Every structure is written in C-alpha cells, then in structure tokens.
Amino acid sequence: MKLSIREIAVFGMLGSVMYASKMLMEMFPNIHLLGVFTIAFTVVYRKKALYPIYTYVILNGIFCGFAAWWIPYLYLWTVLWGAVMLLPQKMPKAIRPLVYMTVCAAHGFLFGTLYAPAQALLYGLSFQGMIAWIAAGLPFDIVHGISNFWCGILILPIISVLKLAEGTGGNPAGSIHNL
C-alpha cells in the first residue's frame, strides 16, 4: 500500500487524535473513544486504517512506556479492525448505528479476555491464573463495554466528517439518515 504525502500527514494526525483523546479521558477509567475511532477509520479507510491505529499504538508506547502492558496493544486494536473489515460495506442504513455500537461494545467487553493471553505468556501465568486474571478484570470490562456502546453514538458522525474531508460522500447537511 503506497501512501501519498497527504495520507501520511492525515494518518499521522488521526493517530495523534486517538492518543490525545485517550489522554484527555484518562480520568475516567475504561471510558475512551479508541474503539469509536478504530471503527470509523476502518469504515472509511479500510486497510489503510491500520496506519492511524498503529500511529496511536506507537505514540502510546513512546509517551507511556514500551512495557509489558503495551505488548497486547500490538494486536488488540487489530482485532477490532478485523471485525469491522468483516462487516458488509453495504449495510442497510437503518442498522448501521446499532451494528457499529454493538461491535464497539463487544470489543470493550472482551478487552480483558483478549489482553489475557499476552499477560499469561509475559508473566508465566497458568491457564487457571489467566482465567483468574480475566475474572478479576470483569468489572472493568463491563464498564468498558457499556461505555464503548454509548460512545459508539459518535461513530457515524465521525465517518461522515471523514468522508466529507476525503470528498467521498460525506453528509454536509449533517443528517445521519443520509449516511
């Protein structure tokens, strides 16, 4: 995938927006817009969405430390990206919001479970230890999933703005019904 200079700049900025949004919302544990951005970028940019997603991942490592907690980030966001890539591109307009919000929520509910195998390998946890680690994190995953669902309300407006900026059919009138 060859990128234009414009795409390099746009994807760098979008990855930075992801990181800035995470930092701004850190006072609210497990409530953030990362899933929202991942889904919106994937719907608009498809395979190229990996560029802003991994810009975010690298920025996270640079500013927060490339420690053991960071390693699962190398695949966690790709799981969400992959799930969105599997969704039909020509989904009926009436169900798009609910589908995107549900996928976003599912990623939040499953975050600890997806994170656990790397933690088990890095810290030498047994299978039972990994299950205990997942169980201990369930309250956080519940908050994460519920907040991802409600934050998912922003997915379609972000898609619309990105498409408008790209000149690929955004909705200048602002009505989400035309998405």
N, C-alpha and C. Protein backbone atom coordinates (compact mmCIF):
# COMPACT_ATOMS: atom_id res chain seq x y z
N MET A 1 0.84 -1.18 0.00
CA MET A 1 0.00 0.00 0.00
C MET A 1 0.88 1.24 0.00
N LYS A 2 0.94 1.89 -1.12
CA LYS A 2 1.70 3.12 -1.20
C LYS A 2 0.85 4.27 -0.68
N LEU A 3 1.47 5.10 0.15
CA LEU A 3 0.77 6.25 0.71
C LEU A 3 1.25 7.54 0.07
N SER A 4 0.31 8.45 -0.13
CA SER A 4 0.68 9.78 -0.59
C SER A 4 1.16 10.60 0.60
N ILE A 5 1.79 11.71 0.30
CA ILE A 5 2.24 12.61 1.38
C ILE A 5 1.04 13.08 2.18
N ARG A 6 -0.07 13.37 1.49
CA ARG A 6 -1.29 13.79 2.17
C ARG A 6 -1.77 12.71 3.12
N GLU A 7 -1.79 11.45 2.67
CA GLU A 7 -2.24 10.35 3.53
C GLU A 7 -1.33 10.17 4.74
N ILE A 8 -0.04 10.31 4.54
CA ILE A 8 0.90 10.19 5.66
C ILE A 8 0.58 11.26 6.71
N ALA A 9 0.33 12.48 6.25
CA ALA A 9 0.01 13.58 7.18
C ALA A 9 -1.33 13.33 7.87
N VAL A 10 -2.35 12.95 7.08
CA VAL A 10 -3.69 12.72 7.65
C VAL A 10 -3.65 11.57 8.65
N PHE A 11 -3.02 10.47 8.29
CA PHE A 11 -2.99 9.31 9.18
C PHE A 11 -2.18 9.60 10.45
N GLY A 12 -1.12 10.39 10.31
CA GLY A 12 -0.37 10.80 11.50
C GLY A 12 -1.22 11.65 12.43
N MET A 13 -1.99 12.56 11.85
CA MET A 13 -2.87 13.41 12.66
C MET A 13 -3.98 12.58 13.31
N LEU A 14 -4.57 11.65 12.55
CA LEU A 14 -5.66 10.83 13.11
C LEU A 14 -5.14 9.95 14.26
N GLY A 15 -3.96 9.38 14.10
CA GLY A 15 -3.36 8.61 15.19
C GLY A 15 -3.09 9.47 16.41
N SER A 16 -2.66 10.71 16.16
CA SER A 16 -2.42 11.66 17.26
C SER A 16 -3.72 12.05 17.94
N VAL A 17 -4.79 12.18 17.17
CA VAL A 17 -6.10 12.49 17.76
C VAL A 17 -6.54 11.33 18.66
N MET A 18 -6.31 10.10 18.21
CA MET A 18 -6.63 8.95 19.06
C MET A 18 -5.88 9.04 20.38
N TYR A 19 -4.57 9.29 20.30
CA TYR A 19 -3.76 9.36 21.51
C TYR A 19 -4.21 10.52 22.41
N ALA A 20 -4.44 11.69 21.82
CA ALA A 20 -4.87 12.85 22.62
C ALA A 20 -6.22 12.58 23.28
N SER A 21 -7.13 11.92 22.56
CA SER A 21 -8.44 11.63 23.16
C SER A 21 -8.29 10.69 24.35
N LYS A 22 -7.39 9.73 24.22
CA LYS A 22 -7.15 8.80 25.33
C LYS A 22 -6.60 9.56 26.55
N MET A 23 -5.65 10.44 26.31
CA MET A 23 -5.05 11.19 27.41
C MET A 23 -6.08 12.12 28.07
N LEU A 24 -6.93 12.73 27.28
CA LEU A 24 -7.95 13.64 27.82
C LEU A 24 -8.99 12.91 28.66
N MET A 25 -9.22 11.64 28.35
CA MET A 25 -10.26 10.89 29.05
C MET A 25 -9.71 9.95 30.12
N GLU A 26 -8.42 10.03 30.41
CA GLU A 26 -7.82 9.10 31.37
C GLU A 26 -8.40 9.23 32.77
N MET A 27 -9.03 10.34 33.09
CA MET A 27 -9.62 10.49 34.42
C MET A 27 -10.84 9.59 34.60
N PHE A 28 -11.33 9.04 33.48
CA PHE A 28 -12.48 8.13 33.50
C PHE A 28 -11.99 6.74 33.11
N PRO A 29 -11.67 5.89 34.07
CA PRO A 29 -11.11 4.57 33.74
C PRO A 29 -12.01 3.77 32.80
N ASN A 30 -11.39 3.25 31.73
CA ASN A 30 -12.04 2.39 30.74
C ASN A 30 -13.14 3.09 29.95
N ILE A 31 -13.13 4.40 29.94
CA ILE A 31 -14.06 5.16 29.12
C ILE A 31 -13.20 6.00 28.18
N HIS A 32 -13.30 5.72 26.89
CA HIS A 32 -12.49 6.43 25.89
C HIS A 32 -13.12 6.27 24.51
N LEU A 33 -12.51 6.90 23.54
CA LEU A 33 -13.03 6.90 22.17
C LEU A 33 -12.20 6.06 21.22
N LEU A 34 -11.31 5.23 21.74
CA LEU A 34 -10.39 4.47 20.88
C LEU A 34 -11.14 3.50 19.97
N GLY A 35 -12.13 2.80 20.50
CA GLY A 35 -12.92 1.88 19.67
C GLY A 35 -13.71 2.65 18.63
N VAL A 36 -14.25 3.79 19.02
CA VAL A 36 -15.01 4.64 18.11
C VAL A 36 -14.13 5.05 16.92
N PHE A 37 -12.94 5.54 17.22
CA PHE A 37 -12.03 5.96 16.16
C PHE A 37 -11.59 4.77 15.30
N THR A 38 -11.30 3.65 15.93
CA THR A 38 -10.86 2.47 15.18
C THR A 38 -11.94 2.04 14.19
N ILE A 39 -13.18 2.01 14.63
CA ILE A 39 -14.27 1.62 13.75
C ILE A 39 -14.47 2.65 12.64
N ALA A 40 -14.52 3.91 12.98
CA ALA A 40 -14.74 4.96 11.97
C ALA A 40 -13.61 4.96 10.94
N PHE A 41 -12.38 4.88 11.39
CA PHE A 41 -11.24 4.87 10.45
C PHE A 41 -11.30 3.64 9.54
N THR A 42 -11.71 2.51 10.10
CA THR A 42 -11.77 1.28 9.31
C THR A 42 -12.86 1.36 8.26
N VAL A 43 -14.01 1.90 8.62
CA VAL A 43 -15.11 2.04 7.66
C VAL A 43 -14.68 2.95 6.50
N VAL A 44 -13.99 4.02 6.80
CA VAL A 44 -13.62 4.99 5.77
C VAL A 44 -12.37 4.58 5.01
N TYR A 45 -11.33 4.13 5.71
CA TYR A 45 -10.03 3.90 5.07
C TYR A 45 -9.70 2.43 4.82
N ARG A 46 -10.53 1.52 5.32
CA ARG A 46 -10.35 0.08 5.14
C ARG A 46 -8.95 -0.36 5.59
N LYS A 47 -8.17 -0.99 4.72
CA LYS A 47 -6.84 -1.50 5.12
C LYS A 47 -5.93 -0.39 5.61
N LYS A 48 -6.05 0.78 5.02
CA LYS A 48 -5.17 1.89 5.41
C LYS A 48 -5.48 2.42 6.81
N ALA A 49 -6.59 2.00 7.40
CA ALA A 49 -6.89 2.41 8.78
C ALA A 49 -5.83 1.91 9.75
N LEU A 50 -5.10 0.88 9.36
CA LEU A 50 -4.04 0.38 10.24
C LEU A 50 -2.96 1.43 10.49
N TYR A 51 -2.78 2.36 9.56
CA TYR A 51 -1.77 3.41 9.76
C TYR A 51 -2.09 4.32 10.95
N PRO A 52 -3.28 4.93 11.00
CA PRO A 52 -3.55 5.75 12.20
C PRO A 52 -3.66 4.91 13.47
N ILE A 53 -4.17 3.68 13.35
CA ILE A 53 -4.29 2.83 14.54
C ILE A 53 -2.90 2.55 15.12
N TYR A 54 -1.96 2.18 14.27
CA TYR A 54 -0.62 1.88 14.78
C TYR A 54 0.19 3.13 15.09
N THR A 55 -0.17 4.26 14.51
CA THR A 55 0.42 5.52 14.96
C THR A 55 0.04 5.74 16.42
N TYR A 56 -1.24 5.51 16.73
CA TYR A 56 -1.69 5.61 18.12
C TYR A 56 -0.91 4.64 19.02
N VAL A 57 -0.79 3.40 18.60
CA VAL A 57 -0.11 2.38 19.42
C VAL A 57 1.34 2.79 19.68
N ILE A 58 2.02 3.26 18.65
CA ILE A 58 3.43 3.69 18.81
C ILE A 58 3.51 4.91 19.72
N LEU A 59 2.62 5.89 19.52
CA LEU A 59 2.62 7.07 20.41
C LEU A 59 2.38 6.66 21.85
N ASN A 60 1.50 5.71 22.06
CA ASN A 60 1.23 5.23 23.40
C ASN A 60 2.51 4.66 24.03
N GLY A 61 3.23 3.89 23.26
CA GLY A 61 4.49 3.34 23.76
C GLY A 61 5.53 4.40 24.02
N ILE A 62 5.64 5.36 23.11
CA ILE A 62 6.64 6.43 23.26
C ILE A 62 6.38 7.25 24.52
N PHE A 63 5.13 7.65 24.72
CA PHE A 63 4.83 8.56 25.83
C PHE A 63 4.49 7.86 27.14
N CYS A 64 4.04 6.61 27.08
CA CYS A 64 3.66 5.90 28.31
C CYS A 64 4.60 4.76 28.65
N GLY A 65 5.49 4.43 27.76
CA GLY A 65 6.49 3.40 28.02
C GLY A 65 6.21 2.10 27.28
N PHE A 66 7.26 1.56 26.67
CA PHE A 66 7.16 0.27 25.99
C PHE A 66 7.37 -0.83 27.02
N ALA A 67 6.37 -1.04 27.85
CA ALA A 67 6.45 -2.02 28.92
C ALA A 67 5.55 -3.21 28.58
N ALA A 68 5.48 -4.16 29.49
CA ALA A 68 4.69 -5.37 29.26
C ALA A 68 3.21 -5.07 28.99
N TRP A 69 2.66 -4.04 29.61
CA TRP A 69 1.24 -3.70 29.39
C TRP A 69 0.99 -3.29 27.95
N TRP A 70 2.03 -2.78 27.26
CA TRP A 70 1.90 -2.25 25.91
C TRP A 70 1.86 -3.35 24.84
N ILE A 71 2.50 -4.46 25.10
CA ILE A 71 2.62 -5.52 24.09
C ILE A 71 1.27 -5.98 23.54
N PRO A 72 0.25 -6.20 24.36
CA PRO A 72 -1.05 -6.59 23.78
C PRO A 72 -1.65 -5.53 22.85
N TYR A 73 -1.24 -4.28 22.99
CA TYR A 73 -1.75 -3.24 22.10
C TYR A 73 -1.34 -3.51 20.65
N LEU A 74 -0.32 -4.32 20.47
CA LEU A 74 0.12 -4.65 19.12
C LEU A 74 -0.92 -5.48 18.37
N TYR A 75 -1.83 -6.13 19.11
CA TYR A 75 -2.87 -6.90 18.43
C TYR A 75 -4.30 -6.52 18.84
N LEU A 76 -4.49 -5.91 19.99
CA LEU A 76 -5.84 -5.63 20.47
C LEU A 76 -6.67 -4.79 19.51
N TRP A 77 -6.08 -3.76 18.97
CA TRP A 77 -6.82 -2.87 18.07
C TRP A 77 -6.99 -3.50 16.70
N THR A 78 -6.06 -4.40 16.34
CA THR A 78 -6.19 -5.11 15.07
C THR A 78 -7.37 -6.07 15.11
N VAL A 79 -7.68 -6.61 16.27
CA VAL A 79 -8.85 -7.49 16.40
C VAL A 79 -10.12 -6.70 16.07
N LEU A 80 -10.24 -5.50 16.62
CA LEU A 80 -11.41 -4.66 16.33
C LEU A 80 -11.42 -4.27 14.85
N TRP A 81 -10.27 -3.87 14.32
CA TRP A 81 -10.16 -3.52 12.91
C TRP A 81 -10.63 -4.71 12.05
N GLY A 82 -10.16 -5.92 12.37
CA GLY A 82 -10.54 -7.10 11.61
C GLY A 82 -12.03 -7.39 11.68
N ALA A 83 -12.62 -7.21 12.85
CA ALA A 83 -14.06 -7.43 12.99
C ALA A 83 -14.84 -6.46 12.10
N VAL A 84 -14.41 -5.22 12.06
CA VAL A 84 -15.09 -4.23 11.23
C VAL A 84 -14.86 -4.52 9.75
N MET A 85 -13.68 -4.99 9.40
CA MET A 85 -13.41 -5.34 8.00
C MET A 85 -14.32 -6.46 7.52
N LEU A 86 -14.76 -7.32 8.45
CA LEU A 86 -15.64 -8.43 8.08
C LEU A 86 -17.10 -8.02 7.92
N LEU A 87 -17.45 -6.84 8.42
CA LEU A 87 -18.83 -6.36 8.27
C LEU A 87 -19.10 -6.01 6.81
N PRO A 88 -20.34 -6.22 6.37
CA PRO A 88 -20.66 -5.83 4.99
C PRO A 88 -20.53 -4.32 4.80
N GLN A 89 -19.94 -3.92 3.69
CA GLN A 89 -19.78 -2.49 3.43
C GLN A 89 -21.10 -1.84 3.03
N LYS A 90 -22.00 -2.60 2.50
CA LYS A 90 -23.30 -2.06 2.03
C LYS A 90 -24.41 -2.44 3.01
N MET A 91 -24.17 -2.19 4.28
CA MET A 91 -25.17 -2.48 5.31
C MET A 91 -26.36 -1.53 5.18
N PRO A 92 -27.57 -2.02 5.45
CA PRO A 92 -28.72 -1.10 5.44
C PRO A 92 -28.50 0.06 6.42
N LYS A 93 -28.85 1.25 5.97
CA LYS A 93 -28.63 2.45 6.78
C LYS A 93 -29.27 2.38 8.16
N ALA A 94 -30.41 1.74 8.22
CA ALA A 94 -31.16 1.69 9.49
C ALA A 94 -30.43 0.91 10.57
N ILE A 95 -29.62 -0.07 10.19
CA ILE A 95 -28.97 -0.89 11.22
C ILE A 95 -27.51 -0.52 11.47
N ARG A 96 -26.93 0.34 10.64
CA ARG A 96 -25.52 0.71 10.82
C ARG A 96 -25.19 1.19 12.23
N PRO A 97 -25.95 2.15 12.78
CA PRO A 97 -25.58 2.65 14.11
C PRO A 97 -25.53 1.53 15.15
N LEU A 98 -26.55 0.70 15.17
CA LEU A 98 -26.61 -0.37 16.17
C LEU A 98 -25.50 -1.41 15.96
N VAL A 99 -25.21 -1.74 14.72
CA VAL A 99 -24.15 -2.71 14.44
C VAL A 99 -22.81 -2.17 14.90
N TYR A 100 -22.49 -0.93 14.52
CA TYR A 100 -21.20 -0.35 14.91
C TYR A 100 -21.10 -0.20 16.43
N MET A 101 -22.17 0.26 17.06
CA MET A 101 -22.16 0.41 18.52
C MET A 101 -22.00 -0.94 19.20
N THR A 102 -22.63 -1.98 18.67
CA THR A 102 -22.55 -3.32 19.27
C THR A 102 -21.15 -3.90 19.11
N VAL A 103 -20.54 -3.72 17.94
CA VAL A 103 -19.17 -4.20 17.74
C VAL A 103 -18.22 -3.47 18.67
N CYS A 104 -18.41 -2.18 18.81
CA CYS A 104 -17.57 -1.38 19.71
C CYS A 104 -17.73 -1.88 21.16
N ALA A 105 -18.97 -2.13 21.55
CA ALA A 105 -19.23 -2.64 22.91
C ALA A 105 -18.61 -4.01 23.10
N ALA A 106 -18.75 -4.89 22.12
CA ALA A 106 -18.19 -6.24 22.24
C ALA A 106 -16.69 -6.19 22.46
N HIS A 107 -16.01 -5.29 21.76
CA HIS A 107 -14.56 -5.16 21.95
C HIS A 107 -14.25 -4.73 23.38
N GLY A 108 -15.05 -3.82 23.93
CA GLY A 108 -14.85 -3.40 25.32
C GLY A 108 -15.09 -4.53 26.30
N PHE A 109 -16.19 -5.27 26.10
CA PHE A 109 -16.49 -6.39 27.00
C PHE A 109 -15.41 -7.47 26.93
N LEU A 110 -14.81 -7.66 25.77
CA LEU A 110 -13.82 -8.72 25.57
C LEU A 110 -12.37 -8.26 25.76
N PHE A 111 -12.19 -6.99 26.07
CA PHE A 111 -10.84 -6.43 26.14
C PHE A 111 -9.93 -7.21 27.08
N GLY A 112 -10.38 -7.46 28.29
CA GLY A 112 -9.56 -8.20 29.26
C GLY A 112 -9.28 -9.61 28.80
N THR A 113 -10.25 -10.26 28.18
CA THR A 113 -10.07 -11.62 27.69
C THR A 113 -9.06 -11.64 26.54
N LEU A 114 -9.13 -10.63 25.67
CA LEU A 114 -8.17 -10.54 24.57
C LEU A 114 -6.77 -10.19 25.08
N TYR A 115 -6.71 -9.44 26.12
CA TYR A 115 -5.44 -8.99 26.73
C TYR A 115 -4.75 -10.13 27.49
N ALA A 116 -5.55 -11.02 28.04
CA ALA A 116 -5.06 -12.04 28.98
C ALA A 116 -4.00 -12.99 28.43
N PRO A 117 -4.11 -13.50 27.21
CA PRO A 117 -3.08 -14.44 26.74
C PRO A 117 -1.67 -13.85 26.76
N ALA A 118 -1.54 -12.59 26.35
CA ALA A 118 -0.22 -11.95 26.38
C ALA A 118 0.27 -11.83 27.82
N GLN A 119 -0.62 -11.45 28.72
CA GLN A 119 -0.23 -11.34 30.13
C GLN A 119 0.20 -12.69 30.69
N ALA A 120 -0.54 -13.73 30.32
CA ALA A 120 -0.20 -15.08 30.79
C ALA A 120 1.20 -15.48 30.30
N LEU A 121 1.49 -15.20 29.02
CA LEU A 121 2.81 -15.54 28.48
C LEU A 121 3.91 -14.69 29.11
N LEU A 122 3.67 -13.40 29.25
CA LEU A 122 4.68 -12.49 29.77
C LEU A 122 4.98 -12.73 31.25
N TYR A 123 3.96 -13.12 32.01
CA TYR A 123 4.14 -13.28 33.45
C TYR A 123 4.11 -14.73 33.90
N GLY A 124 4.08 -15.65 32.96
CA GLY A 124 4.14 -17.06 33.30
C GLY A 124 2.92 -17.58 34.04
N LEU A 125 1.75 -17.04 33.72
CA LEU A 125 0.53 -17.50 34.39
C LEU A 125 0.09 -18.85 33.82
N SER A 126 -0.43 -19.68 34.67
CA SER A 126 -1.05 -20.91 34.21
C SER A 126 -2.39 -20.56 33.56
N PHE A 127 -3.04 -21.57 32.96
CA PHE A 127 -4.36 -21.33 32.39
C PHE A 127 -5.32 -20.85 33.48
N GLN A 128 -5.26 -21.47 34.66
CA GLN A 128 -6.11 -21.07 35.77
C GLN A 128 -5.79 -19.64 36.22
N GLY A 129 -4.51 -19.32 36.22
CA GLY A 129 -4.09 -17.96 36.57
C GLY A 129 -4.61 -16.94 35.58
N MET A 130 -4.60 -17.32 34.29
CA MET A 130 -5.11 -16.42 33.26
C MET A 130 -6.62 -16.22 33.44
N ILE A 131 -7.34 -17.29 33.75
CA ILE A 131 -8.78 -17.20 33.97
C ILE A 131 -9.06 -16.32 35.19
N ALA A 132 -8.28 -16.48 36.23
CA ALA A 132 -8.44 -15.63 37.42
C ALA A 132 -8.18 -14.17 37.09
N TRP A 133 -7.18 -13.92 36.24
CA TRP A 133 -6.86 -12.56 35.82
C TRP A 133 -8.04 -11.97 35.05
N ILE A 134 -8.64 -12.76 34.16
CA ILE A 134 -9.81 -12.31 33.40
C ILE A 134 -10.97 -12.01 34.36
N ALA A 135 -11.23 -12.93 35.29
CA ALA A 135 -12.34 -12.77 36.24
C ALA A 135 -12.15 -11.51 37.10
N ALA A 136 -10.93 -11.27 37.53
CA ALA A 136 -10.67 -10.08 38.35
C ALA A 136 -10.93 -8.79 37.58
N GLY A 137 -10.77 -8.85 36.26
CA GLY A 137 -10.96 -7.66 35.45
C GLY A 137 -12.37 -7.47 34.92
N LEU A 138 -13.26 -8.42 35.19
CA LEU A 138 -14.62 -8.33 34.64
C LEU A 138 -15.35 -7.02 34.97
N PRO A 139 -15.27 -6.51 36.19
CA PRO A 139 -15.96 -5.22 36.45
C PRO A 139 -15.45 -4.10 35.53
N PHE A 140 -14.15 -4.10 35.25
CA PHE A 140 -13.59 -3.08 34.37
C PHE A 140 -14.05 -3.30 32.93
N ASP A 141 -14.13 -4.57 32.51
CA ASP A 141 -14.60 -4.88 31.16
C ASP A 141 -16.07 -4.52 30.99
N ILE A 142 -16.84 -4.66 32.03
CA ILE A 142 -18.26 -4.29 31.95
C ILE A 142 -18.40 -2.78 31.74
N VAL A 143 -17.64 -2.00 32.51
CA VAL A 143 -17.65 -0.55 32.31
C VAL A 143 -17.16 -0.22 30.90
N HIS A 144 -16.11 -0.89 30.48
CA HIS A 144 -15.52 -0.66 29.16
C HIS A 144 -16.55 -0.94 28.06
N GLY A 145 -17.23 -2.07 28.13
CA GLY A 145 -18.21 -2.43 27.12
C GLY A 145 -19.40 -1.48 27.07
N ILE A 146 -19.93 -1.15 28.24
CA ILE A 146 -21.08 -0.24 28.29
C ILE A 146 -20.69 1.15 27.76
N SER A 147 -19.54 1.63 28.19
CA SER A 147 -19.11 2.96 27.72
C SER A 147 -18.81 2.94 26.23
N ASN A 148 -18.22 1.85 25.73
CA ASN A 148 -17.97 1.76 24.29
C ASN A 148 -19.28 1.80 23.51
N PHE A 149 -20.32 1.15 24.04
CA PHE A 149 -21.60 1.16 23.35
C PHE A 149 -22.11 2.60 23.22
N TRP A 150 -22.14 3.32 24.32
CA TRP A 150 -22.70 4.68 24.29
C TRP A 150 -21.78 5.66 23.56
N CYS A 151 -20.48 5.49 23.69
CA CYS A 151 -19.57 6.34 22.91
C CYS A 151 -19.72 6.05 21.42
N GLY A 152 -20.17 4.84 21.10
CA GLY A 152 -20.38 4.45 19.71
C GLY A 152 -21.39 5.30 18.97
N ILE A 153 -22.16 6.08 19.69
CA ILE A 153 -23.09 7.03 19.06
C ILE A 153 -22.32 7.98 18.14
N LEU A 154 -21.05 8.19 18.43
CA LEU A 154 -20.23 9.14 17.66
C LEU A 154 -19.65 8.54 16.38
N ILE A 155 -19.78 7.23 16.18
CA ILE A 155 -19.13 6.59 15.03
C ILE A 155 -19.64 7.15 13.71
N LEU A 156 -20.95 7.17 13.50
CA LEU A 156 -21.47 7.65 12.22
C LEU A 156 -21.16 9.13 11.96
N PRO A 157 -21.28 10.01 12.95
CA PRO A 157 -20.87 11.41 12.68
C PRO A 157 -19.39 11.52 12.30
N ILE A 158 -18.53 10.74 12.93
CA ILE A 158 -17.10 10.79 12.59
C ILE A 158 -16.88 10.25 11.18
N ILE A 159 -17.58 9.17 10.83
CA ILE A 159 -17.49 8.64 9.46
C ILE A 159 -17.91 9.71 8.46
N SER A 160 -18.99 10.39 8.76
CA SER A 160 -19.50 11.44 7.87
C SER A 160 -18.47 12.54 7.68
N VAL A 161 -17.86 13.00 8.77
CA VAL A 161 -16.86 14.06 8.69
C VAL A 161 -15.63 13.59 7.90
N LEU A 162 -15.20 12.37 8.14
CA LEU A 162 -14.04 11.84 7.41
C LEU A 162 -14.33 11.72 5.91
N LYS A 163 -15.52 11.23 5.58
CA LYS A 163 -15.88 11.11 4.16
C LYS A 163 -16.00 12.48 3.51
N LEU A 164 -16.53 13.42 4.24
CA LEU A 164 -16.63 14.79 3.72
C LEU A 164 -15.23 15.35 3.46
N ALA A 165 -14.32 15.15 4.41
CA ALA A 165 -12.94 15.63 4.26
C ALA A 165 -12.23 14.94 3.11
N GLU A 166 -12.57 13.68 2.88
CA GLU A 166 -11.95 12.92 1.80
C GLU A 166 -12.64 13.17 0.47
N GLY A 167 -13.80 13.83 0.50
CA GLY A 167 -14.54 14.07 -0.73
C GLY A 167 -15.19 12.82 -1.29
N THR A 168 -15.55 11.88 -0.39
CA THR A 168 -16.13 10.60 -0.84
C THR A 168 -17.56 10.42 -0.36
N GLY A 169 -18.31 11.47 -0.28
CA GLY A 169 -19.72 11.29 0.04
C GLY A 169 -20.10 11.61 1.45
N GLY A 170 -19.42 12.53 2.10
CA GLY A 170 -19.83 12.95 3.43
C GLY A 170 -21.18 13.62 3.35
N ASN A 171 -21.71 13.97 4.47
CA ASN A 171 -23.06 14.49 4.52
C ASN A 171 -23.03 15.92 5.04
N PRO A 172 -22.88 16.91 4.16
CA PRO A 172 -22.75 18.29 4.65
C PRO A 172 -23.99 18.80 5.37
N ALA A 173 -25.14 18.20 5.09
CA ALA A 173 -26.37 18.65 5.77
C ALA A 173 -26.40 18.23 7.22
N GLY A 174 -25.57 17.26 7.59
CA GLY A 174 -25.47 16.85 8.98
C GLY A 174 -26.46 15.79 9.41
N SER A 175 -27.31 15.33 8.51
CA SER A 175 -28.30 14.31 8.88
C SER A 175 -27.67 12.93 8.81
N ILE A 176 -27.70 12.19 9.90
CA ILE A 176 -27.12 10.86 9.89
C ILE A 176 -27.96 9.90 9.05
N HIS A 177 -29.16 10.30 8.68
CA HIS A 177 -30.02 9.42 7.89
C HIS A 177 -29.51 9.26 6.47
N ASN A 178 -28.68 10.17 6.00
CA ASN A 178 -28.15 10.10 4.64
C ASN A 178 -26.84 9.35 4.57
N LEU A 179 -26.35 8.84 5.70
CA LEU A 179 -25.10 8.09 5.69
C LEU A 179 -25.34 6.76 5.05
